[in-house]
Amino acid sequence: MQIYWTPIQRVVQEAPDTYTFQLELPDGFTWDEGAHTHFALEGFNKEDKPNRSLIRHMSISTLPREGAIGITTRIKRECSEFKSILRDMKIGEQVAIFKTHSNVPLKREGKNVYLLSAGVGLATFRPIVLAYLANGEGVPHLHSLNVDTSANYLFNNVFTSSNDFTAEFVDSRPNYYKRVETMAEDQDGLFYLVGSDDFLRETIAMLRERGITREQIILDKRDFQLEDFLK
């Protein structure tokens, strides 16, 4: 397993309590849209067993062509030890990334794609949208629906509707579910889901009740986790 230690280049506040940590791009490090990585702080591997309190599973919110690895996360006043340490880190301090993989690359199968997310889960979809805007081949239409009860919607400069891409934000779960019902009328569409486990289960149940098959539902989960959600 290769561990990349890389410095923080910049910290961007995306919304209240939400930040993107932009990391220097190490030589030879690359990834696909929709990728996640293990993101760790100094000291996580000093003992025989990894200190899991210093490791988080994070989505990468950028593409390689942007020249930085973006990690977007919420850090509230009351937070975990991990996020408390991260909040106090300075530009130039190093973090570790390893085990990078994408479960949700953009499928170009001639079908409409629906990106359904909650809150900061939108970070997973940002690079998918950028990849689509650069090359829309094989995807007739891309639609993003994000629910965020704070109404401080993220990445407004990317999630802006155009001819073949529509971006939609709602501030409540009831409004979200109404929109999902409408989208499920596309019986041939592909539905990408990112959010909490409860969010995933409730959305999957709604889609399945309306005739969407498990093969049409794409989750940011490894193969051994999928059955628990899609059974």
C-alpha atoms as a PDB file:
ATOM      1  CA  MET A   1       0.000   0.000   0.000  1.00  0.00           C
ATOM      2  CA  GLN A   2       1.443   3.349  -1.051  1.00  0.00           C
ATOM      3  CA  ILE A   3       0.912   6.262   1.309  1.00  0.00           C
ATOM      4  CA  TYR A   4       1.241   9.766  -0.129  1.00  0.00           C
ATOM      5  CA  TRP A   5       2.186  12.472   2.359  1.00  0.00           C
ATOM      6  CA  THR A   6       1.285  15.832   0.890  1.00  0.00           C
ATOM      7  CA  PRO A   7       0.978  19.393   2.231  1.00  0.00           C
ATOM      8  CA  ILE A   8      -2.143  21.507   2.531  1.00  0.00           C
ATOM      9  CA  GLN A   9      -1.883  24.244  -0.109  1.00  0.00           C
ATOM     10  CA  ARG A  10      -5.040  26.201   0.586  1.00  0.00           C
ATOM     11  CA  VAL A  11      -8.252  26.106   2.616  1.00  0.00           C
ATOM     12  CA  VAL A  12     -11.431  27.431   0.983  1.00  0.00           C
ATOM     13  CA  GLN A  13     -14.571  28.142   3.007  1.00  0.00           C
ATOM     14  CA  GLU A  14     -17.435  26.925   0.810  1.00  0.00           C
ATOM     15  CA  ALA A  15     -20.247  27.745   3.268  1.00  0.00           C
ATOM     16  CA  PRO A  16     -20.663  28.214   7.024  1.00  0.00           C
ATOM     17  CA  ASP A  17     -18.854  25.273   8.695  1.00  0.00           C
ATOM     18  CA  THR A  18     -17.891  23.762   5.306  1.00  0.00           C
ATOM     19  CA  TYR A  19     -14.331  23.825   3.976  1.00  0.00           C
ATOM     20  CA  THR A  20     -12.321  22.424   1.075  1.00  0.00           C
ATOM     21  CA  PHE A  21      -8.752  21.475   1.934  1.00  0.00           C
ATOM     22  CA  GLN A  22      -6.725  21.678  -1.264  1.00  0.00           C
ATOM     23  CA  LEU A  23      -3.725  19.348  -1.155  1.00  0.00           C
ATOM     24  CA  GLU A  24      -0.624  19.432  -3.319  1.00  0.00           C
ATOM     25  CA  LEU A  25      -0.809  16.881  -6.123  1.00  0.00           C
ATOM     26  CA  PRO A  26       1.952  14.270  -5.603  1.00  0.00           C
ATOM     27  CA  ASP A  27       3.897  12.974  -8.599  1.00  0.00           C
ATOM     28  CA  GLY A  28       2.175   9.949 -10.121  1.00  0.00           C
ATOM     29  CA  PHE A  29      -1.033  10.333  -8.133  1.00  0.00           C
ATOM     30  CA  THR A  30      -4.224  10.287 -10.182  1.00  0.00           C
ATOM     31  CA  TRP A  31      -7.893   9.368  -9.808  1.00  0.00           C
ATOM     32  CA  ASP A  32     -11.205   9.152 -11.646  1.00  0.00           C
ATOM     33  CA  GLU A  33     -14.296  11.299 -11.111  1.00  0.00           C
ATOM     34  CA  GLY A  34     -16.339  10.172  -8.103  1.00  0.00           C
ATOM     35  CA  ALA A  35     -13.255   8.873  -6.270  1.00  0.00           C
ATOM     36  CA  HIS A  36     -12.820   8.545  -2.549  1.00  0.00           C
ATOM     37  CA  THR A  37      -9.635   8.155  -0.536  1.00  0.00           C
ATOM     38  CA  HIS A  38      -8.431   7.425   2.963  1.00  0.00           C
ATOM     39  CA  PHE A  39      -7.412  10.757   4.468  1.00  0.00           C
ATOM     40  CA  ALA A  40      -5.209  10.569   7.570  1.00  0.00           C
ATOM     41  CA  LEU A  41      -3.429  12.856   9.988  1.00  0.00           C
ATOM     42  CA  GLU A  42       0.090  12.670  11.355  1.00  0.00           C
ATOM     43  CA  GLY A  43       0.553   9.843  13.841  1.00  0.00           C
ATOM     44  CA  PHE A  44      -2.083   7.540  12.393  1.00  0.00           C
ATOM     45  CA  ASN A  45       0.516   4.852  11.579  1.00  0.00           C
ATOM     46  CA  LYS A  46       3.029   5.248  14.386  1.00  0.00           C
ATOM     47  CA  GLU A  47       1.894   2.134  16.243  1.00  0.00           C
ATOM     48  CA  ASP A  48       1.600  -1.475  15.080  1.00  0.00           C
ATOM     49  CA  LYS A  49      -2.087  -0.935  14.322  1.00  0.00           C
ATOM     50  CA  PRO A  50      -3.406   2.197  12.574  1.00  0.00           C
ATOM     51  CA  ASN A  51      -5.030   4.780  14.836  1.00  0.00           C
ATOM     52  CA  ARG A  52      -8.468   4.842  13.197  1.00  0.00           C
ATOM     53  CA  SER A  53      -9.479   7.990  15.075  1.00  0.00           C
ATOM     54  CA  LEU A  54      -6.985   9.823  12.848  1.00  0.00           C
ATOM     55  CA  ILE A  55      -8.322   8.372   9.567  1.00  0.00           C
ATOM     56  CA  ARG A  56     -11.429   9.293   7.578  1.00  0.00           C
ATOM     57  CA  HIS A  57     -12.923   7.983   4.343  1.00  0.00           C
ATOM     58  CA  MET A  58     -13.358  11.097   2.170  1.00  0.00           C
ATOM     59  CA  SER A  59     -14.531  11.905  -1.344  1.00  0.00           C
ATOM     60  CA  ILE A  60     -12.212  13.854  -3.647  1.00  0.00           C
ATOM     61  CA  SER A  61     -14.104  16.926  -4.832  1.00  0.00           C
ATOM     62  CA  THR A  62     -11.732  17.888  -7.661  1.00  0.00           C
ATOM     63  CA  LEU A  63     -10.405  16.442 -10.926  1.00  0.00           C
ATOM     64  CA  PRO A  64      -6.680  15.911 -11.612  1.00  0.00           C
ATOM     65  CA  ARG A  65      -6.708  18.659 -14.256  1.00  0.00           C
ATOM     66  CA  GLU A  66      -7.468  21.202 -11.492  1.00  0.00           C
ATOM     67  CA  GLY A  67      -3.985  20.592 -10.100  1.00  0.00           C
ATOM     68  CA  ALA A  68      -4.965  19.852  -6.503  1.00  0.00           C
ATOM     69  CA  ILE A  69      -6.647  17.162  -4.430  1.00  0.00           C
ATOM     70  CA  GLY A  70      -9.768  18.682  -2.897  1.00  0.00           C
ATOM     71  CA  ILE A  71     -11.241  17.283   0.301  1.00  0.00           C
ATOM     72  CA  THR A  72     -14.511  18.977   1.280  1.00  0.00           C
ATOM     73  CA  THR A  73     -15.925  18.488   4.757  1.00  0.00           C
ATOM     74  CA  ARG A  74     -18.084  20.122   7.400  1.00  0.00           C
ATOM     75  CA  ILE A  75     -16.397  21.171  10.644  1.00  0.00           C
ATOM     76  CA  LYS A  76     -18.815  22.444  13.264  1.00  0.00           C
ATOM     77  CA  ARG A  77     -17.949  24.115  16.552  1.00  0.00           C
ATOM     78  CA  GLU A  78     -18.537  20.849  18.401  1.00  0.00           C
ATOM     79  CA  CYS A  79     -16.708  18.183  16.401  1.00  0.00           C
ATOM     80  CA  SER A  80     -14.629  15.018  16.579  1.00  0.00           C
ATOM     81  CA  GLU A  81     -10.960  14.885  17.560  1.00  0.00           C
ATOM     82  CA  PHE A  82     -10.086  14.333  13.900  1.00  0.00           C
ATOM     83  CA  LYS A  83     -11.897  17.424  12.668  1.00  0.00           C
ATOM     84  CA  SER A  84     -10.665  19.509  15.593  1.00  0.00           C
ATOM     85  CA  ILE A  85      -7.056  18.710  14.636  1.00  0.00           C
ATOM     86  CA  LEU A  86      -7.781  19.314  10.942  1.00  0.00           C
ATOM     87  CA  ARG A  87      -9.398  22.692  11.688  1.00  0.00           C
ATOM     88  CA  ASP A  88      -6.248  23.883  13.476  1.00  0.00           C
ATOM     89  CA  MET A  89      -3.771  22.720  10.836  1.00  0.00           C
ATOM     90  CA  LYS A  90      -1.707  25.322   8.995  1.00  0.00           C
ATOM     91  CA  ILE A  91      -0.874  25.754   5.322  1.00  0.00           C
ATOM     92  CA  GLY A  92       2.134  23.552   4.538  1.00  0.00           C
ATOM     93  CA  GLU A  93       1.405  20.904   7.159  1.00  0.00           C
ATOM     94  CA  GLN A  94       1.132  17.418   5.723  1.00  0.00           C
ATOM     95  CA  VAL A  95      -1.649  14.854   5.620  1.00  0.00           C
ATOM     96  CA  ALA A  96      -1.681  11.325   4.210  1.00  0.00           C
ATOM     97  CA  ILE A  97      -3.823   9.876   1.440  1.00  0.00           C
ATOM     98  CA  PHE A  98      -4.006   6.229   0.409  1.00  0.00           C
ATOM     99  CA  LYS A  99      -6.331   3.518  -0.933  1.00  0.00           C
ATOM    100  CA  THR A 100      -7.945   5.769  -3.537  1.00  0.00           C
ATOM    101  CA  HIS A 101     -10.767   4.249  -5.588  1.00  0.00           C
ATOM    102  CA  SER A 102     -13.915   5.256  -7.498  1.00  0.00           C
ATOM    103  CA  ASN A 103     -17.171   3.354  -7.072  1.00  0.00           C
ATOM    104  CA  VAL A 104     -19.179   5.932  -9.025  1.00  0.00           C
ATOM    105  CA  PRO A 105     -17.486   6.896 -12.309  1.00  0.00           C
ATOM    106  CA  LEU A 106     -19.802   8.473 -14.850  1.00  0.00           C
ATOM    107  CA  LYS A 107     -21.490   5.745 -16.914  1.00  0.00           C
ATOM    108  CA  ARG A 108     -21.803   6.713 -20.574  1.00  0.00           C
ATOM    109  CA  GLU A 109     -24.495   4.260 -21.667  1.00  0.00           C
ATOM    110  CA  GLY A 110     -26.868   6.543 -23.540  1.00  0.00           C
ATOM    111  CA  LYS A 111     -29.086   6.976 -20.460  1.00  0.00           C
ATOM    112  CA  ASN A 112     -30.032  10.028 -18.436  1.00  0.00           C
ATOM    113  CA  VAL A 113     -28.107  10.270 -15.158  1.00  0.00           C
ATOM    114  CA  TYR A 114     -29.588  11.583 -11.900  1.00  0.00           C
ATOM    115  CA  LEU A 115     -27.258  12.621  -9.064  1.00  0.00           C
ATOM    116  CA  LEU A 116     -29.113  12.489  -5.728  1.00  0.00           C
ATOM    117  CA  SER A 117     -27.279  13.786  -2.668  1.00  0.00           C
ATOM    118  CA  ALA A 118     -27.661  15.271   0.785  1.00  0.00           C
ATOM    119  CA  GLY A 119     -25.566  18.090   2.203  1.00  0.00           C
ATOM    120  CA  VAL A 120     -21.823  17.861   1.693  1.00  0.00           C
ATOM    121  CA  GLY A 121     -22.364  14.615  -0.221  1.00  0.00           C
ATOM    122  CA  LEU A 122     -22.486  16.965  -3.192  1.00  0.00           C
ATOM    123  CA  ALA A 123     -18.677  16.998  -3.070  1.00  0.00           C
ATOM    124  CA  THR A 124     -18.610  13.490  -4.568  1.00  0.00           C
ATOM    125  CA  PHE A 125     -20.626  14.696  -7.553  1.00  0.00           C
ATOM    126  CA  ARG A 126     -18.704  17.902  -8.296  1.00  0.00           C
ATOM    127  CA  PRO A 127     -16.000  16.143 -10.365  1.00  0.00           C
ATOM    128  CA  ILE A 128     -18.642  14.015 -12.125  1.00  0.00           C
ATOM    129  CA  VAL A 129     -20.390  17.194 -13.257  1.00  0.00           C
ATOM    130  CA  LEU A 130     -17.088  18.713 -14.393  1.00  0.00           C
ATOM    131  CA  ALA A 131     -16.251  15.551 -16.355  1.00  0.00           C
ATOM    132  CA  TYR A 132     -19.674  15.678 -18.009  1.00  0.00           C
ATOM    133  CA  LEU A 133     -19.438  19.375 -18.872  1.00  0.00           C
ATOM    134  CA  ALA A 134     -16.060  18.718 -20.513  1.00  0.00           C
ATOM    135  CA  ASN A 135     -17.401  15.723 -22.444  1.00  0.00           C
ATOM    136  CA  GLY A 136     -21.100  14.829 -22.505  1.00  0.00           C
ATOM    137  CA  GLU A 137     -20.708  11.821 -24.787  1.00  0.00           C
ATOM    138  CA  GLY A 138     -22.998   8.915 -23.870  1.00  0.00           C
ATOM    139  CA  VAL A 139     -25.103  10.910 -21.362  1.00  0.00           C
ATOM    140  CA  PRO A 140     -28.141  12.621 -22.957  1.00  0.00           C
ATOM    141  CA  HIS A 141     -28.908  14.615 -19.804  1.00  0.00           C
ATOM    142  CA  LEU A 142     -27.384  15.010 -16.348  1.00  0.00           C
ATOM    143  CA  HIS A 143     -29.519  16.204 -13.421  1.00  0.00           C
ATOM    144  CA  SER A 144     -28.350  16.941  -9.872  1.00  0.00           C
ATOM    145  CA  LEU A 145     -30.741  17.116  -6.923  1.00  0.00           C
ATOM    146  CA  ASN A 146     -29.279  18.077  -3.548  1.00  0.00           C
ATOM    147  CA  VAL A 147     -31.135  18.499  -0.264  1.00  0.00           C
ATOM    148  CA  ASP A 148     -29.544  20.670   2.400  1.00  0.00           C
ATOM    149  CA  THR A 149     -31.657  21.868   5.315  1.00  0.00           C
ATOM    150  CA  SER A 150     -29.144  24.665   5.990  1.00  0.00           C
ATOM    151  CA  ALA A 151     -29.971  26.120   2.560  1.00  0.00           C
ATOM    152  CA  ASN A 152     -26.264  27.039   2.241  1.00  0.00           C
ATOM    153  CA  TYR A 153     -25.885  25.231  -1.049  1.00  0.00           C
ATOM    154  CA  LEU A 154     -22.394  24.273  -2.187  1.00  0.00           C
ATOM    155  CA  PHE A 155     -20.445  24.773  -5.426  1.00  0.00           C
ATOM    156  CA  ASN A 156     -22.911  27.172  -7.040  1.00  0.00           C
ATOM    157  CA  ASN A 157     -20.303  28.052  -9.685  1.00  0.00           C
ATOM    158  CA  VAL A 158     -20.364  24.421 -10.920  1.00  0.00           C
ATOM    159  CA  PHE A 159     -23.932  23.418 -10.142  1.00  0.00           C
ATOM    160  CA  THR A 160     -25.506  25.880 -12.557  1.00  0.00           C
ATOM    161  CA  SER A 161     -28.069  24.709 -15.096  1.00  0.00           C
ATOM    162  CA  SER A 162     -27.158  24.667 -18.785  1.00  0.00           C
ATOM    163  CA  ASN A 163     -28.580  23.051 -21.914  1.00  0.00           C
ATOM    164  CA  ASP A 164     -27.802  19.435 -21.009  1.00  0.00           C
ATOM    165  CA  PHE A 165     -27.229  19.772 -17.270  1.00  0.00           C
ATOM    166  CA  THR A 166     -29.733  20.855 -14.633  1.00  0.00           C
ATOM    167  CA  ALA A 167     -28.877  21.570 -11.009  1.00  0.00           C
ATOM    168  CA  GLU A 168     -31.593  21.656  -8.384  1.00  0.00           C
ATOM    169  CA  PHE A 169     -31.392  22.414  -4.662  1.00  0.00           C
ATOM    170  CA  VAL A 170     -34.108  21.899  -2.060  1.00  0.00           C
ATOM    171  CA  ASP A 171     -34.109  22.722   1.642  1.00  0.00           C
ATOM    172  CA  SER A 172     -36.258  19.890   3.015  1.00  0.00           C
ATOM    173  CA  ARG A 173     -36.618  16.126   2.755  1.00  0.00           C
ATOM    174  CA  PRO A 174     -40.333  16.312   1.777  1.00  0.00           C
ATOM    175  CA  ASN A 175     -39.471  18.515  -1.207  1.00  0.00           C
ATOM    176  CA  TYR A 176     -36.629  16.174  -2.069  1.00  0.00           C
ATOM    177  CA  TYR A 177     -38.871  13.101  -2.104  1.00  0.00           C
ATOM    178  CA  LYS A 178     -41.428  14.834  -4.300  1.00  0.00           C
ATOM    179  CA  ARG A 179     -38.733  15.510  -6.863  1.00  0.00           C
ATOM    180  CA  VAL A 180     -37.392  11.939  -6.675  1.00  0.00           C
ATOM    181  CA  GLU A 181     -40.895  10.635  -7.436  1.00  0.00           C
ATOM    182  CA  THR A 182     -40.923  12.698 -10.616  1.00  0.00           C
ATOM    183  CA  MET A 183     -37.436  11.597 -11.663  1.00  0.00           C
ATOM    184  CA  ALA A 184     -38.350   7.940 -11.167  1.00  0.00           C
ATOM    185  CA  GLU A 185     -40.773   8.320 -14.062  1.00  0.00           C
ATOM    186  CA  ASP A 186     -37.677   7.904 -16.236  1.00  0.00           C
ATOM    187  CA  GLN A 187     -37.710   4.115 -16.085  1.00  0.00           C
ATOM    188  CA  ASP A 188     -34.451   3.882 -18.032  1.00  0.00           C
ATOM    189  CA  GLY A 189     -32.412   6.388 -16.009  1.00  0.00           C
ATOM    190  CA  LEU A 190     -29.364   5.798 -13.847  1.00  0.00           C
ATOM    191  CA  PHE A 191     -29.586   7.039 -10.243  1.00  0.00           C
ATOM    192  CA  TYR A 192     -26.418   7.900  -8.309  1.00  0.00           C
ATOM    193  CA  LEU A 193     -26.865   8.272  -4.539  1.00  0.00           C
ATOM    194  CA  VAL A 194     -24.563   9.838  -1.924  1.00  0.00           C
ATOM    195  CA  GLY A 195     -25.526  10.602   1.672  1.00  0.00           C
ATOM    196  CA  SER A 196     -26.059   9.061   5.086  1.00  0.00           C
ATOM    197  CA  ASP A 197     -27.122   5.419   5.364  1.00  0.00           C
ATOM    198  CA  ASP A 198     -30.672   6.471   6.278  1.00  0.00           C
ATOM    199  CA  PHE A 199     -30.792   8.799   3.281  1.00  0.00           C
ATOM    200  CA  LEU A 200     -29.626   5.993   1.007  1.00  0.00           C
ATOM    201  CA  ARG A 201     -32.101   3.439   2.342  1.00  0.00           C
ATOM    202  CA  GLU A 202     -35.085   5.785   2.127  1.00  0.00           C
ATOM    203  CA  THR A 203     -34.222   6.908  -1.397  1.00  0.00           C
ATOM    204  CA  ILE A 204     -33.577   3.361  -2.591  1.00  0.00           C
ATOM    205  CA  ALA A 205     -36.937   2.211  -1.170  1.00  0.00           C
ATOM    206  CA  MET A 206     -38.726   5.024  -3.005  1.00  0.00           C
ATOM    207  CA  LEU A 207     -36.984   4.251  -6.289  1.00  0.00           C
ATOM    208  CA  ARG A 208     -37.590   0.510  -6.054  1.00  0.00           C
ATOM    209  CA  GLU A 209     -41.291   1.037  -5.256  1.00  0.00           C
ATOM    210  CA  ARG A 210     -41.531   3.010  -8.506  1.00  0.00           C
ATOM    211  CA  GLY A 211     -39.976   0.336 -10.678  1.00  0.00           C
ATOM    212  CA  ILE A 212     -36.318   1.348 -10.711  1.00  0.00           C
ATOM    213  CA  THR A 213     -34.148  -1.793 -10.659  1.00  0.00           C
ATOM    214  CA  ARG A 214     -31.140  -2.314  -8.428  1.00  0.00           C
ATOM    215  CA  GLU A 215     -28.911  -2.285 -11.522  1.00  0.00           C
ATOM    216  CA  GLN A 216     -29.982   1.325 -12.147  1.00  0.00           C
ATOM    217  CA  ILE A 217     -28.925   2.465  -8.669  1.00  0.00           C
ATOM    218  CA  ILE A 218     -25.248   3.377  -8.187  1.00  0.00           C
ATOM    219  CA  LEU A 219     -23.886   3.835  -4.660  1.00  0.00           C
ATOM    220  CA  ASP A 220     -20.526   5.061  -3.394  1.00  0.00           C
ATOM    221  CA  LYS A 221     -19.994   1.708  -1.669  1.00  0.00           C
ATOM    222  CA  ARG A 222     -17.638  -1.210  -2.191  1.00  0.00           C
ATOM    223  CA  ASP A 223     -19.029  -4.446  -3.611  1.00  0.00           C
ATOM    224  CA  PHE A 224     -19.238  -6.174  -0.226  1.00  0.00           C
ATOM    225  CA  GLN A 225     -21.393  -3.309   1.126  1.00  0.00           C
ATOM    226  CA  LEU A 226     -23.871  -3.082  -1.746  1.00  0.00           C
ATOM    227  CA  GLU A 227     -26.012  -6.083  -0.874  1.00  0.00           C
ATOM    228  CA  ASP A 228     -26.908  -4.623   2.496  1.00  0.00           C
ATOM    229  CA  PHE A 229     -28.447  -1.581   0.772  1.00  0.00           C
ATOM    230  CA  LEU A 230     -29.864  -3.123  -2.383  1.00  0.00           C
ATOM    231  CA  LYS A 231     -31.253  -6.421  -1.059  1.00  0.00           C
END
